[in-house]
Amino acid sequence: MQNAIPVMIDNKQEEEERSYSFLGGISGFVFYWLALSLPFMVYGSNTLFFLLYTWPFFLALMPVSVLLGVAFSMLLRGRLILTLLVTGASVICLFWLLFSFLSGW
């Protein structure tokens, strides 16, 4: 004979905390490409020759942008509008800072 004790199972299961990192990663990636297009809109097609020699610096900003998006999304608990504003502003400023530093303007 087995020693079995009936256990009452609670129908409420623990809710997992939502993951906000996906939204932040996508927003960082999108704002990276928007920031990459900004110098082309401001300075025209001559920017292509400048980026031809400096592309590793700008490519290194892609994971940084995604990580910034994830960090801001986690810190702001997934508030969509505020996450997009802060991520967009920081990625564009970071990109423009690097572009200005490399071009000497």
N, C-alpha and C. Protein backbone atom coordinates (compact mmCIF):
# COMPACT_ATOMS: atom_id res chain seq x y z
N MET A 1 0.84 -1.17 0.00
CA MET A 1 0.00 0.00 0.00
C MET A 1 0.89 1.24 0.00
N GLN A 2 0.55 2.20 -0.82
CA GLN A 2 1.35 3.43 -0.91
C GLN A 2 0.85 4.44 0.10
N ASN A 3 1.80 5.24 0.58
CA ASN A 3 1.43 6.36 1.45
C ASN A 3 1.19 7.57 0.56
N ALA A 4 -0.04 7.84 0.29
CA ALA A 4 -0.39 8.96 -0.58
C ALA A 4 -1.22 9.96 0.19
N ILE A 5 -0.84 11.22 0.04
CA ILE A 5 -1.58 12.29 0.69
C ILE A 5 -2.20 13.13 -0.41
N PRO A 6 -3.49 13.34 -0.37
CA PRO A 6 -4.10 14.18 -1.40
C PRO A 6 -3.64 15.63 -1.27
N VAL A 7 -3.23 16.19 -2.37
CA VAL A 7 -2.76 17.57 -2.40
C VAL A 7 -3.76 18.38 -3.22
N MET A 8 -4.18 19.49 -2.65
CA MET A 8 -5.11 20.37 -3.35
C MET A 8 -4.30 21.23 -4.32
N ILE A 9 -4.71 21.24 -5.55
CA ILE A 9 -4.02 22.02 -6.57
C ILE A 9 -4.76 23.33 -6.74
N ASP A 10 -4.01 24.40 -6.62
CA ASP A 10 -4.60 25.73 -6.80
C ASP A 10 -4.71 26.02 -8.28
N ASN A 11 -5.86 26.48 -8.70
CA ASN A 11 -6.07 26.78 -10.11
C ASN A 11 -5.30 28.00 -10.58
N LYS A 12 -4.95 28.85 -9.65
CA LYS A 12 -4.17 30.04 -10.02
C LYS A 12 -2.71 29.65 -10.21
N GLN A 13 -2.22 29.89 -11.38
CA GLN A 13 -0.81 29.64 -11.63
C GLN A 13 -0.08 30.98 -11.55
N GLU A 14 1.15 30.90 -11.14
CA GLU A 14 1.92 32.13 -11.04
C GLU A 14 2.10 32.73 -12.42
N GLU A 15 1.83 34.02 -12.51
CA GLU A 15 2.03 34.70 -13.78
C GLU A 15 3.50 35.06 -13.94
N GLU A 16 4.00 34.79 -15.11
CA GLU A 16 5.37 35.17 -15.38
C GLU A 16 5.42 36.65 -15.74
N GLU A 17 6.51 37.29 -15.37
CA GLU A 17 6.67 38.69 -15.73
C GLU A 17 6.90 38.80 -17.23
N ARG A 18 6.25 39.77 -17.83
CA ARG A 18 6.37 39.94 -19.28
C ARG A 18 7.80 40.29 -19.66
N SER A 19 8.18 39.86 -20.82
CA SER A 19 9.51 40.17 -21.34
C SER A 19 9.42 41.43 -22.20
N TYR A 20 10.12 42.45 -21.80
CA TYR A 20 10.11 43.71 -22.54
C TYR A 20 11.31 43.83 -23.45
N SER A 21 12.19 42.87 -23.44
CA SER A 21 13.44 43.01 -24.18
C SER A 21 13.23 42.95 -25.70
N PHE A 22 12.23 42.22 -26.16
CA PHE A 22 12.02 42.11 -27.60
C PHE A 22 11.66 43.46 -28.21
N LEU A 23 10.77 44.18 -27.56
CA LEU A 23 10.38 45.51 -28.03
C LEU A 23 11.59 46.44 -28.08
N GLY A 24 12.41 46.41 -27.05
CA GLY A 24 13.59 47.26 -27.01
C GLY A 24 14.61 46.90 -28.07
N GLY A 25 14.81 45.62 -28.29
CA GLY A 25 15.75 45.19 -29.33
C GLY A 25 15.32 45.62 -30.71
N ILE A 26 14.04 45.46 -30.99
CA ILE A 26 13.52 45.87 -32.30
C ILE A 26 13.61 47.38 -32.46
N SER A 27 13.26 48.13 -31.42
CA SER A 27 13.32 49.60 -31.53
C SER A 27 14.75 50.08 -31.70
N GLY A 28 15.71 49.48 -31.00
CA GLY A 28 17.11 49.85 -31.18
C GLY A 28 17.61 49.56 -32.58
N PHE A 29 17.20 48.41 -33.13
CA PHE A 29 17.60 48.04 -34.49
C PHE A 29 17.00 48.99 -35.52
N VAL A 30 15.73 49.34 -35.37
CA VAL A 30 15.07 50.24 -36.32
C VAL A 30 15.68 51.64 -36.24
N PHE A 31 15.91 52.13 -35.03
CA PHE A 31 16.49 53.46 -34.90
C PHE A 31 17.94 53.51 -35.37
N TYR A 32 18.64 52.38 -35.33
CA TYR A 32 19.99 52.34 -35.90
C TYR A 32 19.93 52.63 -37.40
N TRP A 33 19.02 51.96 -38.11
CA TRP A 33 18.92 52.17 -39.55
C TRP A 33 18.40 53.56 -39.89
N LEU A 34 17.53 54.09 -39.05
CA LEU A 34 17.08 55.47 -39.27
C LEU A 34 18.22 56.46 -39.06
N ALA A 35 19.04 56.20 -38.03
CA ALA A 35 20.18 57.08 -37.78
C ALA A 35 21.23 56.96 -38.89
N LEU A 36 21.36 55.78 -39.47
CA LEU A 36 22.30 55.62 -40.58
C LEU A 36 21.85 56.39 -41.81
N SER A 37 20.56 56.54 -41.99
CA SER A 37 20.06 57.28 -43.15
C SER A 37 20.10 58.80 -42.96
N LEU A 38 20.22 59.26 -41.74
CA LEU A 38 20.24 60.70 -41.47
C LEU A 38 21.37 61.45 -42.18
N PRO A 39 22.63 60.98 -42.12
CA PRO A 39 23.68 61.71 -42.85
C PRO A 39 23.45 61.76 -44.36
N PHE A 40 22.83 60.73 -44.90
CA PHE A 40 22.52 60.74 -46.33
C PHE A 40 21.49 61.80 -46.65
N MET A 41 20.53 61.99 -45.75
CA MET A 41 19.51 63.02 -45.98
C MET A 41 20.08 64.43 -45.82
N VAL A 42 21.02 64.59 -44.91
CA VAL A 42 21.57 65.92 -44.64
C VAL A 42 22.65 66.28 -45.66
N TYR A 43 23.59 65.36 -45.92
CA TYR A 43 24.74 65.69 -46.75
C TYR A 43 24.69 65.10 -48.15
N GLY A 44 23.74 64.27 -48.44
CA GLY A 44 23.60 63.74 -49.79
C GLY A 44 24.44 62.50 -50.03
N SER A 45 24.66 62.22 -51.29
CA SER A 45 25.33 60.98 -51.67
C SER A 45 26.83 61.00 -51.39
N ASN A 46 27.42 62.14 -51.10
CA ASN A 46 28.85 62.19 -50.76
C ASN A 46 29.14 61.47 -49.45
N THR A 47 28.12 61.25 -48.65
CA THR A 47 28.30 60.53 -47.40
C THR A 47 28.75 59.10 -47.65
N LEU A 48 28.37 58.55 -48.78
CA LEU A 48 28.74 57.17 -49.10
C LEU A 48 30.26 57.00 -49.14
N PHE A 49 30.98 57.96 -49.69
CA PHE A 49 32.44 57.87 -49.74
C PHE A 49 33.05 57.96 -48.35
N PHE A 50 32.44 58.75 -47.49
CA PHE A 50 32.92 58.85 -46.12
C PHE A 50 32.68 57.54 -45.37
N LEU A 51 31.51 56.96 -45.55
CA LEU A 51 31.19 55.70 -44.87
C LEU A 51 31.95 54.52 -45.43
N LEU A 52 32.47 54.66 -46.64
CA LEU A 52 33.24 53.59 -47.24
C LEU A 52 34.49 53.27 -46.41
N TYR A 53 35.09 54.29 -45.83
CA TYR A 53 36.30 54.09 -45.05
C TYR A 53 36.05 53.95 -43.56
N THR A 54 34.91 54.36 -43.10
CA THR A 54 34.64 54.35 -41.65
C THR A 54 33.55 53.37 -41.25
N TRP A 55 33.16 52.43 -42.14
CA TRP A 55 32.04 51.54 -41.85
C TRP A 55 32.22 50.68 -40.61
N PRO A 56 33.44 50.25 -40.21
CA PRO A 56 33.52 49.43 -38.99
C PRO A 56 33.05 50.17 -37.73
N PHE A 57 33.30 51.47 -37.67
CA PHE A 57 32.86 52.24 -36.51
C PHE A 57 31.33 52.28 -36.44
N PHE A 58 30.72 52.48 -37.58
CA PHE A 58 29.26 52.57 -37.60
C PHE A 58 28.61 51.19 -37.44
N LEU A 59 29.27 50.17 -37.92
CA LEU A 59 28.75 48.82 -37.73
C LEU A 59 28.81 48.42 -36.26
N ALA A 60 29.81 48.91 -35.54
CA ALA A 60 29.93 48.61 -34.12
C ALA A 60 28.81 49.26 -33.30
N LEU A 61 28.15 50.26 -33.86
CA LEU A 61 27.04 50.88 -33.14
C LEU A 61 25.76 50.06 -33.18
N MET A 62 25.67 49.07 -34.06
CA MET A 62 24.43 48.29 -34.14
C MET A 62 24.16 47.50 -32.87
N PRO A 63 25.10 46.69 -32.36
CA PRO A 63 24.79 46.00 -31.10
C PRO A 63 24.62 46.95 -29.93
N VAL A 64 25.33 48.07 -29.96
CA VAL A 64 25.17 49.06 -28.90
C VAL A 64 23.75 49.63 -28.94
N SER A 65 23.24 49.89 -30.12
CA SER A 65 21.88 50.42 -30.25
C SER A 65 20.84 49.41 -29.78
N VAL A 66 21.04 48.16 -30.13
CA VAL A 66 20.09 47.13 -29.68
C VAL A 66 20.14 46.98 -28.16
N LEU A 67 21.34 47.00 -27.60
CA LEU A 67 21.46 46.89 -26.14
C LEU A 67 20.87 48.10 -25.43
N LEU A 68 21.04 49.29 -26.01
CA LEU A 68 20.40 50.47 -25.43
C LEU A 68 18.88 50.34 -25.45
N GLY A 69 18.35 49.85 -26.56
CA GLY A 69 16.91 49.65 -26.64
C GLY A 69 16.41 48.65 -25.61
N VAL A 70 17.12 47.55 -25.43
CA VAL A 70 16.73 46.54 -24.44
C VAL A 70 16.82 47.13 -23.03
N ALA A 71 17.89 47.84 -22.74
CA ALA A 71 18.07 48.41 -21.40
C ALA A 71 16.99 49.44 -21.09
N PHE A 72 16.69 50.33 -22.02
CA PHE A 72 15.65 51.32 -21.77
C PHE A 72 14.28 50.69 -21.65
N SER A 73 14.03 49.66 -22.44
CA SER A 73 12.75 48.98 -22.37
C SER A 73 12.57 48.28 -21.02
N MET A 74 13.63 47.67 -20.52
CA MET A 74 13.55 47.01 -19.22
C MET A 74 13.43 48.02 -18.08
N LEU A 75 14.17 49.12 -18.18
CA LEU A 75 14.10 50.14 -17.13
C LEU A 75 12.75 50.84 -17.08
N LEU A 76 12.15 51.03 -18.23
CA LEU A 76 10.87 51.73 -18.30
C LEU A 76 9.68 50.78 -18.26
N ARG A 77 9.93 49.50 -18.01
CA ARG A 77 8.89 48.48 -17.86
C ARG A 77 7.95 48.39 -19.05
N GLY A 78 8.51 48.55 -20.24
CA GLY A 78 7.74 48.34 -21.45
C GLY A 78 6.77 49.44 -21.83
N ARG A 79 6.92 50.63 -21.25
CA ARG A 79 6.06 51.75 -21.69
C ARG A 79 6.50 52.13 -23.09
N LEU A 80 5.63 51.87 -24.05
CA LEU A 80 5.99 51.91 -25.46
C LEU A 80 6.46 53.28 -25.93
N ILE A 81 5.65 54.30 -25.70
CA ILE A 81 5.97 55.64 -26.23
C ILE A 81 7.26 56.17 -25.61
N LEU A 82 7.39 56.04 -24.30
CA LEU A 82 8.58 56.55 -23.63
C LEU A 82 9.83 55.76 -24.04
N THR A 83 9.68 54.46 -24.22
CA THR A 83 10.80 53.64 -24.67
C THR A 83 11.26 54.05 -26.06
N LEU A 84 10.31 54.27 -26.95
CA LEU A 84 10.66 54.68 -28.31
C LEU A 84 11.32 56.05 -28.33
N LEU A 85 10.81 56.98 -27.53
CA LEU A 85 11.40 58.32 -27.50
C LEU A 85 12.82 58.31 -26.97
N VAL A 86 13.03 57.63 -25.85
CA VAL A 86 14.36 57.62 -25.23
C VAL A 86 15.35 56.83 -26.08
N THR A 87 14.92 55.69 -26.60
CA THR A 87 15.82 54.89 -27.45
C THR A 87 16.16 55.64 -28.72
N GLY A 88 15.17 56.23 -29.35
CA GLY A 88 15.42 56.98 -30.58
C GLY A 88 16.36 58.15 -30.36
N ALA A 89 16.13 58.90 -29.31
CA ALA A 89 17.00 60.05 -29.03
C ALA A 89 18.43 59.62 -28.72
N SER A 90 18.58 58.58 -27.93
CA SER A 90 19.94 58.16 -27.56
C SER A 90 20.69 57.55 -28.74
N VAL A 91 20.03 56.75 -29.56
CA VAL A 91 20.70 56.13 -30.71
C VAL A 91 21.07 57.18 -31.75
N ILE A 92 20.17 58.09 -32.02
CA ILE A 92 20.46 59.13 -33.01
C ILE A 92 21.58 60.05 -32.52
N CYS A 93 21.55 60.42 -31.24
CA CYS A 93 22.63 61.26 -30.70
C CYS A 93 23.96 60.53 -30.69
N LEU A 94 23.95 59.25 -30.36
CA LEU A 94 25.19 58.47 -30.37
C LEU A 94 25.75 58.34 -31.79
N PHE A 95 24.88 58.10 -32.74
CA PHE A 95 25.31 57.98 -34.13
C PHE A 95 25.84 59.31 -34.64
N TRP A 96 25.13 60.39 -34.34
CA TRP A 96 25.55 61.70 -34.81
C TRP A 96 26.85 62.14 -34.14
N LEU A 97 27.04 61.76 -32.88
CA LEU A 97 28.27 62.07 -32.19
C LEU A 97 29.45 61.38 -32.85
N LEU A 98 29.30 60.12 -33.21
CA LEU A 98 30.37 59.39 -33.90
C LEU A 98 30.63 59.98 -35.29
N PHE A 99 29.57 60.30 -36.00
CA PHE A 99 29.73 60.89 -37.33
C PHE A 99 30.45 62.23 -37.24
N SER A 100 30.08 63.06 -36.28
CA SER A 100 30.73 64.36 -36.12
C SER A 100 32.19 64.21 -35.68
N PHE A 101 32.44 63.25 -34.82
CA PHE A 101 33.81 63.04 -34.34
C PHE A 101 34.72 62.57 -35.48
N LEU A 102 34.23 61.64 -36.29
CA LEU A 102 35.06 61.11 -37.38
C LEU A 102 35.24 62.10 -38.52
N SER A 103 34.21 62.90 -38.77
CA SER A 103 34.32 63.83 -39.88
C SER A 103 35.01 65.14 -39.49
N GLY A 104 35.13 65.40 -38.21
CA GLY A 104 35.81 66.61 -37.74
C GLY A 104 34.98 67.87 -37.85
N TRP A 105 33.65 67.73 -37.94
CA TRP A 105 32.80 68.91 -38.06
C TRP A 105 32.28 69.32 -36.72
